[in-house]
Protein backbone atom coordinates (compact mmCIF):
# COMPACT_ATOMS: atom_id res chain seq x y z
CA MET A 1 33.33 -26.74 -1.84
CA PRO A 2 33.30 -23.46 -3.93
CA GLN A 3 29.96 -21.30 -3.80
CA MET A 4 28.03 -22.59 -6.14
CA SER A 5 24.77 -20.86 -7.12
CA PRO A 6 21.91 -21.09 -7.98
CA ASP A 7 21.11 -23.37 -5.09
CA ASP A 8 18.72 -25.68 -7.28
CA PRO A 9 20.10 -25.49 -10.84
CA ARG A 10 18.01 -26.64 -13.76
CA PHE A 11 19.83 -28.37 -16.50
CA VAL A 12 18.77 -28.55 -20.18
CA ASN A 13 21.27 -31.69 -20.50
CA ALA A 14 23.55 -34.44 -18.89
CA THR A 15 26.35 -32.69 -20.11
CA GLU A 16 25.61 -29.19 -18.12
CA GLU A 17 25.22 -31.46 -15.40
CA THR A 18 28.19 -33.17 -15.92
CA VAL A 19 30.49 -30.00 -15.81
CA TRP A 20 28.38 -28.60 -12.59
CA ASN A 21 29.68 -31.49 -11.07
CA LEU A 22 32.97 -31.31 -12.19
CA LEU A 23 33.65 -27.87 -11.33
CA GLY A 24 32.33 -28.12 -7.88
CA ASP A 25 34.67 -31.22 -7.27
CA GLN A 26 37.58 -29.03 -8.29
CA LEU A 27 37.30 -25.41 -7.45
CA LEU A 28 38.40 -24.26 -4.37
CA ASP A 29 36.59 -23.17 -1.42
CA GLU A 30 37.29 -19.46 -1.98
CA ASP A 31 36.13 -19.46 -5.48
CA ALA A 32 32.75 -19.22 -7.26
CA VAL A 33 30.87 -20.93 -10.18
CA ILE A 34 27.28 -19.29 -11.43
CA PHE A 35 25.28 -21.48 -13.59
CA GLY A 36 22.98 -20.34 -16.60
CA GLN A 37 23.79 -16.52 -16.04
CA ARG A 38 21.86 -14.31 -18.45
CA VAL A 39 22.44 -10.81 -19.67
CA THR A 40 21.23 -8.32 -22.12
CA ASP A 41 22.81 -5.64 -23.77
CA HIS A 42 21.73 -3.24 -26.49
CA VAL A 43 22.69 -5.51 -29.07
CA LYS A 44 21.10 -9.21 -28.14
CA ASP A 45 20.47 -11.41 -25.16
CA HIS A 46 23.21 -13.47 -23.76
CA GLU A 47 23.76 -16.68 -21.61
CA ALA A 48 27.27 -17.77 -19.97
CA ASP A 49 26.71 -21.61 -19.50
CA PHE A 50 29.22 -21.13 -16.34
CA VAL A 51 30.69 -18.04 -14.98
CA VAL A 52 33.88 -18.99 -13.24
CA ALA A 53 35.62 -16.73 -10.50
CA ILE A 54 38.77 -18.06 -9.13
CA GLU A 55 40.16 -15.65 -6.25
CA GLY A 56 43.74 -14.63 -7.34
CA ALA A 57 43.27 -14.99 -10.94
CA GLY A 58 40.29 -13.74 -12.69
CA ILE A 59 36.48 -14.24 -14.08
CA VAL A 60 35.90 -16.77 -17.02
CA CYS A 61 32.86 -17.43 -19.02
CA LEU A 62 32.11 -20.98 -19.92
CA GLU A 63 29.96 -22.19 -22.95
CA VAL A 64 29.65 -25.86 -22.94
CA LYS A 65 28.60 -27.99 -26.26
CA GLY A 66 27.85 -31.53 -25.52
CA GLY A 67 28.12 -34.90 -28.24
CA GLU A 68 29.97 -34.73 -31.54
CA VAL A 69 31.11 -31.31 -32.05
CA TRP A 70 33.52 -30.29 -35.05
CA HIS A 71 34.87 -27.37 -37.18
CA ASP A 72 34.66 -27.92 -40.95
CA GLY A 73 36.85 -25.29 -41.76
CA GLU A 74 34.36 -22.86 -42.00
CA TYR A 75 31.89 -23.22 -39.03
CA TRP A 76 31.66 -25.11 -36.07
CA ARG A 77 29.21 -28.26 -36.12
CA GLN A 78 27.11 -30.37 -33.77
CA GLY A 79 25.27 -33.51 -33.75
CA LYS A 80 24.10 -36.00 -36.24
CA THR A 81 22.39 -33.20 -38.44
CA ALA A 82 25.76 -31.16 -38.47
CA LYS A 83 23.79 -28.18 -36.97
CA ARG A 84 25.99 -25.06 -37.35
CA ILE A 85 26.62 -23.50 -33.65
CA GLU A 86 28.78 -20.90 -32.83
CA PRO A 87 30.26 -21.72 -29.27
CA VAL A 88 33.06 -19.08 -29.38
CA GLU A 89 30.86 -15.89 -30.50
CA GLN A 90 28.52 -17.21 -27.53
CA ALA A 91 31.40 -17.07 -24.74
CA ARG A 92 32.60 -13.96 -26.02
CA GLY A 93 29.38 -12.12 -26.40
CA ALA A 94 28.14 -13.41 -22.80
CA CYS A 95 31.45 -12.37 -21.37
CA TYR A 96 31.73 -8.99 -22.60
CA ALA A 97 27.97 -7.98 -21.77
CA LEU A 98 28.16 -9.37 -18.20
CA ARG A 99 31.67 -7.17 -17.69
CA GLU A 100 29.67 -4.34 -18.67
CA TYR A 101 26.99 -4.82 -16.73
CA VAL A 102 29.13 -6.03 -14.00
CA GLU A 103 31.42 -2.93 -14.10
CA SER A 104 28.41 -0.48 -14.25
CA HIS A 105 26.70 -1.53 -10.96
CA PRO A 106 26.91 0.63 -8.08
CA ALA A 107 28.35 -2.11 -5.72
CA TRP A 108 31.17 -2.77 -7.96
CA THR A 109 34.58 -0.84 -6.81
CA GLN A 110 37.26 -3.15 -8.27
CA GLY A 111 37.56 -1.40 -11.97
CA ARG A 112 38.60 -3.48 -14.86
CA LEU A 113 39.63 -7.00 -13.63
CA ARG A 114 40.75 -9.89 -15.52
CA TRP A 115 37.82 -11.34 -17.49
CA ASP A 116 38.35 -13.98 -20.32
CA HIS A 117 36.03 -16.74 -22.36
CA MET A 118 36.20 -20.32 -23.22
CA VAL A 119 34.42 -23.07 -24.53
CA VAL A 120 34.29 -26.79 -23.21
CA PHE A 121 33.57 -29.81 -25.33
CA PRO A 122 32.88 -32.72 -22.50
CA HIS A 123 32.45 -35.53 -25.66
CA ALA A 124 34.98 -34.59 -28.22
CA GLU A 125 38.53 -34.62 -28.63
CA ILE A 126 40.33 -31.67 -30.28
CA ALA A 127 43.80 -32.16 -31.78
CA ASP A 128 47.03 -30.44 -29.73
CA ASP A 129 47.94 -28.69 -32.77
CA PHE A 130 44.21 -26.98 -33.53
CA ALA A 131 44.23 -23.34 -34.24
CA LEU A 132 41.72 -20.87 -35.41
CA PRO A 133 42.36 -16.84 -35.51
CA ASP A 134 39.42 -16.23 -32.67
CA CYS A 135 40.00 -19.37 -30.75
CA PRO A 136 43.39 -20.75 -29.90
CA ARG A 137 43.62 -24.46 -28.49
CA TRP A 138 44.03 -23.26 -24.77
CA LYS A 139 40.92 -21.42 -25.14
CA ILE A 140 39.13 -25.05 -25.67
CA ILE A 141 38.69 -27.62 -22.75
CA ASP A 142 37.90 -31.22 -24.55
CA ARG A 143 37.28 -34.26 -23.05
CA THR A 144 40.36 -35.30 -22.45
CA GLN A 145 41.08 -32.33 -20.03
CA LEU A 146 38.07 -32.65 -17.75
CA ASP A 147 40.09 -33.31 -14.83
CA GLN A 148 42.03 -30.33 -15.20
CA LEU A 149 39.51 -27.87 -15.50
CA LEU A 150 40.61 -25.76 -12.23
CA PRO A 151 44.19 -25.29 -13.58
CA LEU A 152 43.36 -24.82 -17.57
CA ILE A 153 40.69 -22.22 -16.36
CA ARG A 154 42.85 -20.83 -13.96
CA ARG A 155 46.09 -20.47 -16.42
CA VAL A 156 43.84 -17.99 -19.00
CA PRO A 157 43.20 -15.19 -16.95
CA LEU A 158 46.61 -15.67 -15.35
CA THR A 159 48.44 -15.21 -18.51
CA LYS A 160 46.92 -12.56 -19.84
CA LYS A 161 49.58 -9.82 -20.71
CA GLN A 162 47.04 -6.82 -19.68
CA ASP A 163 47.89 -4.84 -16.71
CA HIS A 164 44.67 -5.75 -14.57
CA PRO A 165 44.57 -6.66 -11.24
CA TYR A 166 43.67 -9.95 -10.20
CA LEU A 167 40.00 -11.66 -8.47
CA THR A 168 39.75 -10.77 -4.83
CA ALA A 169 37.47 -12.31 -2.48
CA THR A 170 36.18 -8.85 -1.99
CA GLY A 171 35.70 -9.07 -6.13
CA ILE A 172 33.62 -12.13 -5.51
CA GLU A 173 31.33 -11.02 -3.20
CA GLN A 174 30.83 -7.58 -4.98
CA LEU A 175 29.83 -9.99 -8.33
CA HIS A 176 27.36 -11.94 -6.28
CA THR A 177 25.90 -8.49 -5.19
CA ALA A 178 25.67 -7.25 -8.80
CA LEU A 179 24.15 -10.12 -10.32
CA GLN A 180 21.55 -10.03 -7.59
CA GLY A 181 20.43 -6.81 -9.67
CA ARG A 182 19.23 -3.80 -7.93
CA GLY A 183 16.19 -1.44 -7.39
CA LEU A 184 13.94 -4.85 -7.55
CA PRO A 185 10.50 -4.10 -6.97
CA GLN A 186 9.93 -5.84 -3.39
CA ARG A 187 6.42 -7.21 -2.33
CA ASP A 188 4.75 -3.79 -2.44
CA VAL A 189 1.96 -2.96 0.41
CA VAL A 190 0.78 0.15 -1.13
CA ALA A 191 0.31 -1.70 -4.70
CA ARG A 192 -1.62 -3.92 -2.89
CA SER A 193 -3.68 -1.61 -1.29
CA MET A 194 -4.43 0.28 -4.47
CA GLU A 195 -5.67 -2.70 -6.16
CA ASN A 196 -8.08 -3.14 -3.34
CA GLU A 197 -9.29 0.58 -3.63
CA SER A 198 -10.06 0.00 -7.80
CA ALA A 199 -12.16 -3.18 -6.88
CA ALA A 200 -13.92 -0.90 -4.25
CA ASP A 201 -14.30 1.96 -6.49
CA LEU A 202 -16.02 -0.33 -9.13
CA ILE A 203 -18.36 -1.40 -6.67
CA THR A 204 -19.11 1.56 -5.50
CA GLU A 205 -19.95 3.16 -8.56
CA GLN A 206 -22.40 0.25 -8.98
CA GLN A 207 -24.50 1.64 -6.18
CA ASN A 208 -25.16 4.56 -8.32
CA ALA A 209 -27.88 2.40 -9.29
CA LEU A 210 -29.38 3.10 -5.82
CA LEU A 211 -29.48 6.84 -6.57
CA GLY A 212 -31.30 6.19 -9.89
CA ALA A 213 -33.71 4.12 -8.02
CA ILE A 214 -34.47 7.19 -5.44
CA ARG A 215 -34.41 9.64 -8.16
CA LEU A 216 -38.26 10.53 -7.97
CA ILE A 217 -38.00 10.17 -3.89
CA ASN A 218 -37.08 13.49 -2.34
CA ARG A 219 -37.04 12.29 1.48
CA VAL A 220 -34.37 9.44 1.96
CA GLU A 221 -32.30 7.97 5.19
CA VAL A 222 -29.65 5.76 3.59
CA ARG A 223 -28.08 3.82 6.22
CA GLY A 224 -25.42 1.36 6.46
CA GLY A 225 -22.34 0.25 8.57
CA ALA A 226 -18.77 1.30 8.12
CA GLY A 227 -17.42 1.25 4.65
CA SER A 228 -20.55 0.36 2.83
CA GLY A 229 -19.85 3.08 0.59
CA LYS A 230 -22.02 5.96 2.19
CA THR A 231 -20.23 9.08 2.28
CA TYR A 232 -19.24 8.48 -1.67
CA LEU A 233 -23.24 7.95 -2.22
CA ALA A 234 -23.70 11.50 -0.40
CA LEU A 235 -21.16 13.10 -2.42
CA GLU A 236 -22.69 11.79 -5.64
CA GLN A 237 -26.31 12.35 -4.82
CA ALA A 238 -25.36 16.10 -3.96
CA ARG A 239 -23.45 16.38 -7.44
CA ARG A 240 -26.34 14.70 -9.36
CA LEU A 241 -29.06 17.38 -7.66
CA THR A 242 -26.55 20.32 -8.70
CA ARG A 243 -26.31 19.03 -12.32
CA ALA A 244 -30.22 19.08 -12.30
CA GLY A 245 -30.02 22.60 -11.64
CA GLN A 246 -31.21 22.80 -7.77
CA ARG A 247 -29.17 24.79 -5.01
CA VAL A 248 -27.84 21.70 -2.73
CA ALA A 249 -26.17 22.18 0.75
CA LEU A 250 -23.61 19.28 1.98
CA VAL A 251 -23.37 19.41 5.28
CA CYS A 252 -21.78 16.93 7.78
CA TYR A 253 -20.54 17.99 11.60
CA SER A 254 -17.01 17.25 11.94
CA HIS A 255 -13.85 19.54 10.58
CA GLY A 256 -12.18 16.11 9.34
CA LEU A 257 -14.97 14.99 7.15
CA ALA A 258 -15.53 18.63 5.76
CA SER A 259 -12.28 18.99 4.79
CA TYR A 260 -12.36 15.49 2.74
CA LEU A 261 -15.75 16.55 1.51
CA GLY A 262 -14.45 20.28 0.21
CA ARG A 263 -11.27 18.21 -1.17
CA VAL A 264 -13.28 16.17 -3.38
CA VAL A 265 -15.64 18.77 -4.56
CA ALA A 266 -13.31 21.28 -5.40
CA GLN A 267 -11.75 18.46 -8.21
CA TRP A 268 -15.09 18.65 -9.74
CA GLY A 269 -16.46 21.14 -12.94
CA TYR A 270 -18.14 24.19 -11.77
CA ARG A 271 -21.67 22.91 -12.57
CA ASP A 272 -21.65 20.01 -10.13
CA ARG A 273 -20.35 21.98 -7.24
CA PRO A 274 -22.88 22.27 -4.36
CA ALA A 275 -23.52 25.66 -3.38
CA TYR A 276 -22.50 24.51 -0.02
CA VAL A 277 -19.98 22.01 1.49
CA GLY A 278 -18.78 22.24 4.93
CA GLU A 279 -19.95 21.85 8.78
CA PHE A 280 -23.13 22.29 10.16
CA HIS A 281 -21.62 25.23 12.36
CA GLN A 282 -19.80 27.05 9.70
CA LEU A 283 -23.15 27.41 7.65
CA GLY A 284 -24.30 29.05 10.30
CA ILE A 285 -21.48 31.34 10.90
CA GLU A 286 -21.75 32.34 7.30
CA TRP A 287 -25.35 33.39 7.84
CA GLY A 288 -24.14 35.93 10.74
CA ALA A 289 -23.89 33.89 13.54
CA ALA A 290 -21.66 34.58 16.59
CA GLU A 291 -18.22 32.42 16.05
CA GLY A 292 -18.62 30.99 19.23
CA PRO A 293 -15.69 29.63 22.02
CA ASP A 294 -12.95 27.30 21.25
CA GLU A 295 -14.41 23.86 20.37
CA SER A 296 -11.37 22.46 22.08
CA ILE A 297 -11.91 23.81 25.21
CA ARG A 298 -14.52 21.79 26.60
CA THR A 299 -16.60 23.50 29.14
CA SER A 300 -20.25 23.71 29.95
CA ASP A 301 -20.52 27.09 28.79
CA ALA A 302 -18.85 25.91 25.14
CA ALA A 303 -21.24 22.94 25.06
CA GLN A 304 -24.42 25.31 25.77
CA PHE A 305 -23.35 27.56 22.87
CA TRP A 306 -22.56 24.93 20.38
CA GLU A 307 -25.34 22.41 21.01
CA ASP A 308 -27.97 24.44 21.87
CA GLU A 309 -27.42 28.90 21.27
CA LEU A 310 -25.87 28.55 18.04
CA PRO A 311 -28.64 26.30 16.60
CA ARG A 312 -31.22 28.65 17.93
CA GLN A 313 -29.38 31.76 15.93
CA MET A 314 -29.16 29.41 12.72
CA ALA A 315 -32.83 28.92 12.99
CA GLU A 316 -33.41 32.47 13.20
CA LEU A 317 -31.28 33.53 10.65
CA ALA A 318 -32.47 30.79 8.21
CA GLU A 319 -36.16 32.01 8.58
CA ASN A 320 -35.24 35.29 7.26
CA LEU A 321 -33.00 34.37 4.33
CA ASP A 322 -33.45 35.91 1.24
CA PRO A 323 -34.88 33.22 -1.63
CA ALA A 324 -31.44 33.45 -3.52
CA ASP A 325 -29.81 32.11 -0.42
CA ARG A 326 -32.20 29.02 0.64
CA PHE A 327 -31.84 25.42 -0.79
CA ASP A 328 -33.41 23.29 -3.07
CA ALA A 329 -32.11 20.14 -1.20
CA ILE A 330 -29.77 19.36 1.83
CA VAL A 331 -27.57 16.21 2.05
CA ILE A 332 -26.17 15.36 5.34
CA ASP A 333 -23.37 12.74 6.03
CA GLU A 334 -22.87 11.31 9.14
CA ALA A 335 -26.69 12.37 10.45
CA GLN A 336 -26.41 10.42 13.24
CA ASP A 337 -24.03 13.19 14.81
CA PHE A 338 -26.64 15.69 14.50
CA ALA A 339 -28.95 16.96 17.62
CA ASP A 340 -32.70 17.36 17.64
CA ALA A 341 -32.06 21.44 17.86
CA TRP A 342 -29.88 21.28 14.78
CA TRP A 343 -32.79 20.02 12.49
CA ARG A 344 -34.59 23.24 13.02
CA PRO A 345 -32.30 25.44 10.96
CA MET A 346 -31.45 22.68 8.22
CA LEU A 347 -35.49 22.57 7.40
CA ALA A 348 -35.89 26.56 7.75
CA CYS A 349 -33.07 27.04 4.87
CA LEU A 350 -34.84 24.87 2.26
CA ASN A 351 -37.16 27.10 -0.15
CA ASP A 352 -40.19 24.60 0.89
CA PRO A 353 -39.52 23.21 4.03
CA ASP A 354 -42.34 20.57 3.75
CA GLU A 355 -41.55 19.28 0.07
CA ASP A 356 -37.66 20.02 -0.59
CA GLY A 357 -35.17 17.30 -0.97
CA ILE A 358 -33.66 15.91 2.58
CA TYR A 359 -31.02 13.03 1.70
CA VAL A 360 -29.47 11.67 4.95
CA PHE A 361 -26.87 9.21 5.33
CA SER A 362 -26.26 7.58 8.63
CA ASP A 363 -24.80 4.69 10.65
CA GLU A 364 -26.56 4.40 14.21
CA ALA A 365 -23.42 2.18 15.21
CA GLN A 366 -21.29 5.27 15.03
CA ARG A 367 -23.26 7.63 17.51
CA VAL A 368 -20.28 8.59 19.48
CA PHE A 369 -21.51 11.85 20.67
CA ASP A 370 -24.13 12.12 23.29
CA ARG A 371 -27.02 13.52 20.87
CA HIS A 372 -29.98 11.51 20.08
CA GLY A 373 -31.03 13.79 17.36
CA THR A 374 -33.92 12.45 14.71
CA PRO A 375 -35.29 14.31 11.82
CA PRO A 376 -38.71 15.67 12.55
CA VAL A 377 -40.03 14.43 9.32
CA SER A 378 -40.86 10.99 7.38
CA LEU A 379 -37.75 9.78 5.38
CA VAL A 380 -38.07 6.81 3.52
CA PRO A 381 -35.42 4.25 4.71
CA LEU A 382 -32.72 2.40 2.59
CA VAL A 383 -30.19 0.18 3.97
CA LEU A 384 -26.46 -0.99 2.84
CA ASP A 385 -25.56 -3.98 3.57
CA HIS A 386 -22.26 -4.53 2.02
CA ASN A 387 -18.88 -3.49 3.32
CA MET A 388 -16.48 -2.57 0.11
CA ARG A 389 -14.01 -0.03 1.99
CA ASN A 390 -12.14 -2.70 4.31
CA THR A 391 -10.36 -5.48 3.47
CA ARG A 392 -12.24 -8.97 4.58
CA GLN A 393 -9.62 -9.29 7.26
CA ILE A 394 -10.54 -5.83 8.86
CA ALA A 395 -14.18 -6.01 8.51
CA THR A 396 -14.49 -9.64 9.70
CA VAL A 397 -13.27 -7.84 13.11
CA PHE A 398 -15.83 -5.21 13.54
CA LYS A 399 -18.69 -6.80 11.98
CA PRO A 400 -20.19 -8.37 15.41
CA LEU A 401 -20.42 -3.99 16.36
CA VAL A 402 -22.08 -3.17 13.39
CA GLY A 403 -25.47 -3.87 14.57
CA GLN A 404 -27.05 -4.94 11.06
CA ARG A 405 -26.22 -7.24 8.56
CA MET A 406 -23.28 -6.95 6.48
CA ARG A 407 -21.94 -8.66 3.73
CA LEU A 408 -18.00 -8.51 3.05
CA ARG A 409 -16.92 -7.66 -0.17
CA GLY A 410 -13.57 -5.92 0.06
CA GLY A 411 -10.43 -7.33 -1.03
CA ASP A 412 -7.87 -9.40 1.04
CA GLY A 413 -5.02 -8.35 3.03
CA PRO A 414 -2.76 -8.81 6.02
CA GLU A 415 -4.54 -9.95 9.38
CA ALA A 416 -5.09 -7.33 12.02
CA ARG A 417 -2.57 -7.17 14.45
CA PHE A 418 -3.33 -6.99 18.38
CA VAL A 419 -0.27 -5.47 20.30
CA ALA A 420 -1.01 -6.04 24.20
CA CYS A 421 0.08 -3.19 26.53
CA ALA A 422 -0.96 -1.23 29.36
CA PRO A 423 -3.21 1.90 28.60
CA GLY A 424 -0.74 4.32 29.64
CA ASP A 425 1.66 2.85 27.46
CA ALA A 426 -0.82 2.54 24.20
CA VAL A 427 0.66 5.69 22.48
CA VAL A 428 4.29 4.78 22.90
CA THR A 429 3.05 0.97 21.69
CA ALA A 430 1.67 2.49 18.76
CA ASP A 431 4.41 5.02 17.76
CA ASP A 432 6.64 1.86 17.70
CA GLN A 433 4.35 0.06 15.24
CA VAL A 434 4.33 3.22 13.18
CA ASP A 435 8.13 2.60 12.76
CA LEU A 436 7.60 -0.94 11.80
CA LEU A 437 4.85 -0.45 9.26
CA LEU A 438 7.25 2.09 7.43
CA ASP A 439 10.16 -0.49 7.51
CA ASP A 440 7.86 -2.64 6.12
CA GLY A 441 6.91 -0.27 2.98
CA TRP A 442 4.16 1.74 3.78
CA ARG A 443 4.34 5.64 3.31
CA PRO A 444 3.79 8.57 5.81
CA GLU A 445 1.07 9.21 3.73
CA ASP A 446 -0.61 5.76 4.05
CA ILE A 447 -0.24 5.57 7.84
CA ALA A 448 -3.08 7.06 10.78
CA LEU A 449 -2.56 6.74 14.40
CA LEU A 450 -5.62 7.26 16.44
CA THR A 451 -6.26 7.34 19.79
CA THR A 452 -9.59 6.55 21.73
CA GLY A 453 -8.84 8.54 25.13
CA SER A 454 -6.29 11.66 25.55
CA ARG A 455 -4.72 12.98 22.02
CA HIS A 456 -1.44 12.04 20.76
CA PRO A 457 1.31 14.80 21.65
CA GLU A 458 1.70 15.19 18.18
CA GLN A 459 -2.10 15.84 17.72
CA VAL A 460 -1.79 18.34 19.99
CA SER A 461 1.07 20.17 18.60
CA ARG A 462 -0.53 20.25 15.24
CA GLN A 463 -3.65 21.56 16.49
CA GLU A 464 -2.17 24.90 17.64
CA LEU A 465 -2.16 25.44 13.78
CA GLY A 466 -5.94 25.70 14.14
CA PRO A 467 -8.55 23.81 12.57
CA ALA A 468 -7.62 24.45 8.83
CA GLY A 469 -4.12 24.12 9.60
CA TYR A 470 -4.42 20.75 11.11
CA TRP A 471 -6.50 19.28 8.61
CA ASP A 472 -4.02 20.26 6.18
CA THR A 473 -1.70 17.70 7.39
CA PHE A 474 -3.92 15.23 6.79
CA TRP A 475 -3.42 15.75 3.13
CA ASP A 476 0.52 15.85 3.67
CA ASP A 477 2.11 13.22 1.72
CA GLU A 478 5.34 13.37 4.08
CA GLN A 479 3.55 12.68 7.27
CA VAL A 480 1.86 10.20 9.04
CA PHE A 481 -1.44 11.62 10.57
CA TYR A 482 -2.24 11.80 14.10
CA GLY A 483 -5.81 12.07 15.29
CA HIS A 484 -8.60 10.76 17.47
CA VAL A 485 -11.63 8.32 16.56
CA LEU A 486 -13.75 11.20 17.68
CA GLY A 487 -12.66 13.58 14.60
CA PHE A 488 -11.84 10.54 12.06
CA LYS A 489 -15.58 9.57 11.85
CA GLY A 490 -16.27 9.57 7.92
CA LEU A 491 -12.76 9.33 6.93
CA GLU A 492 -10.26 6.56 6.34
CA ARG A 493 -6.45 5.82 5.77
CA ARG A 494 -4.66 2.55 4.23
CA VAL A 495 -3.29 1.78 7.48
CA VAL A 496 -4.74 2.71 11.03
CA VAL A 497 -2.63 2.28 14.25
CA LEU A 498 -5.48 2.51 17.02
CA ALA A 499 -4.33 3.20 20.40
CA LEU A 500 -6.71 2.19 22.89
CA ASN A 501 -5.38 4.70 25.75
CA GLU A 502 -8.59 4.96 27.59
CA HIS A 503 -7.79 3.89 31.30
CA GLU A 504 -11.35 3.01 31.82
CA PRO A 505 -14.48 2.29 29.90
CA GLN A 506 -16.58 5.33 29.39
CA GLU A 507 -19.92 6.18 27.87
CA ARG A 508 -19.76 5.01 24.38
CA SER A 509 -16.43 3.43 24.29
CA THR A 510 -17.73 0.46 22.43
CA GLU A 511 -18.87 3.08 19.71
CA ARG A 512 -15.25 4.76 19.85
CA LEU A 513 -13.59 1.39 18.99
CA TYR A 514 -15.98 0.54 16.19
CA VAL A 515 -15.04 3.80 14.47
CA GLY A 516 -11.43 2.99 15.23
CA LEU A 517 -11.50 -0.32 14.04
CA SER A 518 -13.47 0.41 10.94
CA ARG A 519 -11.24 3.48 9.93
CA ALA A 520 -8.54 1.30 8.42
CA ARG A 521 -9.05 -0.04 4.70
CA ASP A 522 -5.78 -2.33 4.36
CA GLN A 523 -3.70 -2.77 7.65
CA LEU A 524 -5.07 -2.27 11.05
CA VAL A 525 -2.93 -2.53 14.10
CA VAL A 526 -4.48 -2.16 17.53
CA CYS A 527 -2.60 -1.55 20.84
CA GLY A 528 -4.20 -1.56 24.09
CA ASP A 529 -5.20 -3.84 27.12
CA PRO A 530 -6.75 -7.25 26.26
CA GLU A 531 -9.21 -7.07 28.96
CA PHE A 532 -10.33 -3.74 28.03
CA VAL A 533 -10.98 -5.03 24.32
CA ARG A 534 -13.20 -7.93 25.66
CA GLN A 535 -14.84 -5.59 27.90
CA ILE A 536 -16.11 -3.03 25.40
CA GLY A 537 -15.99 -4.95 22.35
CA GLY A 538 -17.00 -8.53 23.55
CA ASP A 539 -15.27 -12.07 23.41
CA GLU A 540 -16.24 -12.13 19.53
CA VAL A 541 -14.16 -8.97 18.28
CA ALA A 542 -11.22 -10.01 20.83
CA ALA A 543 -11.20 -13.17 19.42
CA ARG A 544 -11.03 -11.74 15.97
CA LEU A 545 -8.57 -9.52 16.64
CA GLY A 546 -6.41 -11.91 17.79
CA VAL A 547 -6.53 -10.67 21.68
CA PRO A 548 -4.81 -13.21 24.03
CA GLY A 549 -7.56 -14.89 26.35
CA PRO A 550 -7.01 -14.38 30.37
CA GLU A 551 -4.83 -16.05 32.02
């Protein structure tokens, strides 16, 4: 059997099927036949009923016309209605257009071979002395010649007087490659992710109604699980208050979230930008507090400075701020990270600590630091019970850890994937998964590799750039981001590879797991010990993640 494509041709009529079967019977194994090949040039759309590629000869395009076919001296006619047809023109046009397309394909290295065209009339009989200027008799196969398809077709390119090479097996292979197309759009994981993001943005904007509802309430705590839109609302509330003429501070704890908030606000118009956007500690430094020790070096003295000494300095400085440097409102994102001592300077920097606006956005289930700060003022609680950021497949995994009702309104995506490995192998296994995700079509900018225990060596290396330089890599389109779940709270990535590289459960390991699982918007891959997941996440989370059961 010759190479015949497509595998399941859809014939318009029985005549085409007859010719297909005859070609299959007569062509040799090394030959090829392609049915219904369409090609478009700058003149028109063409279709070759059959493209026949014969090794040792050339490529011939066939036009098939069934039923009664004749020529009235001026035009070809067909059927009872004597419909005018143009079989020769159709065959010739398709041949030239297809030749031009194939020869322009990068895979084609054969140059100009022997191409030609013919017409086949399976039901008509054409006289031996027939001739037209554009169609000699040898370019027609009629009903009396169907058992000679191969020699008749083969003879046409062989007898061409042009000095072009004959078709080889390599040429037939390259012909198939060219006709498969090039640069074809594949299933695009990024496109699917962007579609989900658009839907999530629309839903999040609907939450603006909540901000409208609290317009006359100036002390509010908005609580919500991961993916509920808290950061969006914190930004939007800060923008609205600023637009209304208030002097606003938009504050958080972590470097990473501060970097994100700053980037977003920098895109706003001047009248929408809050007076301060950034970390709690950096605000104190701007007031004149001490710089303090390196936060990455965890010592008891460093902890004492950042947790106690700096807030004390900030409170004293805040109480002596000039009126022009005070705020009319503070908006705090990821407020569960704040310690009790931090609230004193926050209140002290307000023009009126008893009345000015305080807007707090928090998720108690993400309390990953050993702080139990509580705002020392009464706040009206509001609860967000929708998850819009994560796909349903991802949100389903961490839903048991949320600690409150959560309705899943995100888009659809691939199932979360678990890769079993020892804690000591989690980072290397995660690196391998990143390579596979890149092969699947994700871009480096889409992927974050997060650890729950010690930092990835690449993160350690990048942090030598300093906090600002390290977080600049978060925005680098050419790099995968490497981080730790403790520094990634409030942030997200289309794809997260989570390396569970803790050798033993630690205090708040469950909260770290929750944060890590909830950072991915579209694709989540978890690498770690199955028993560790069951121990800190529970059987329900393990089952939803696809963790294998105990042996």
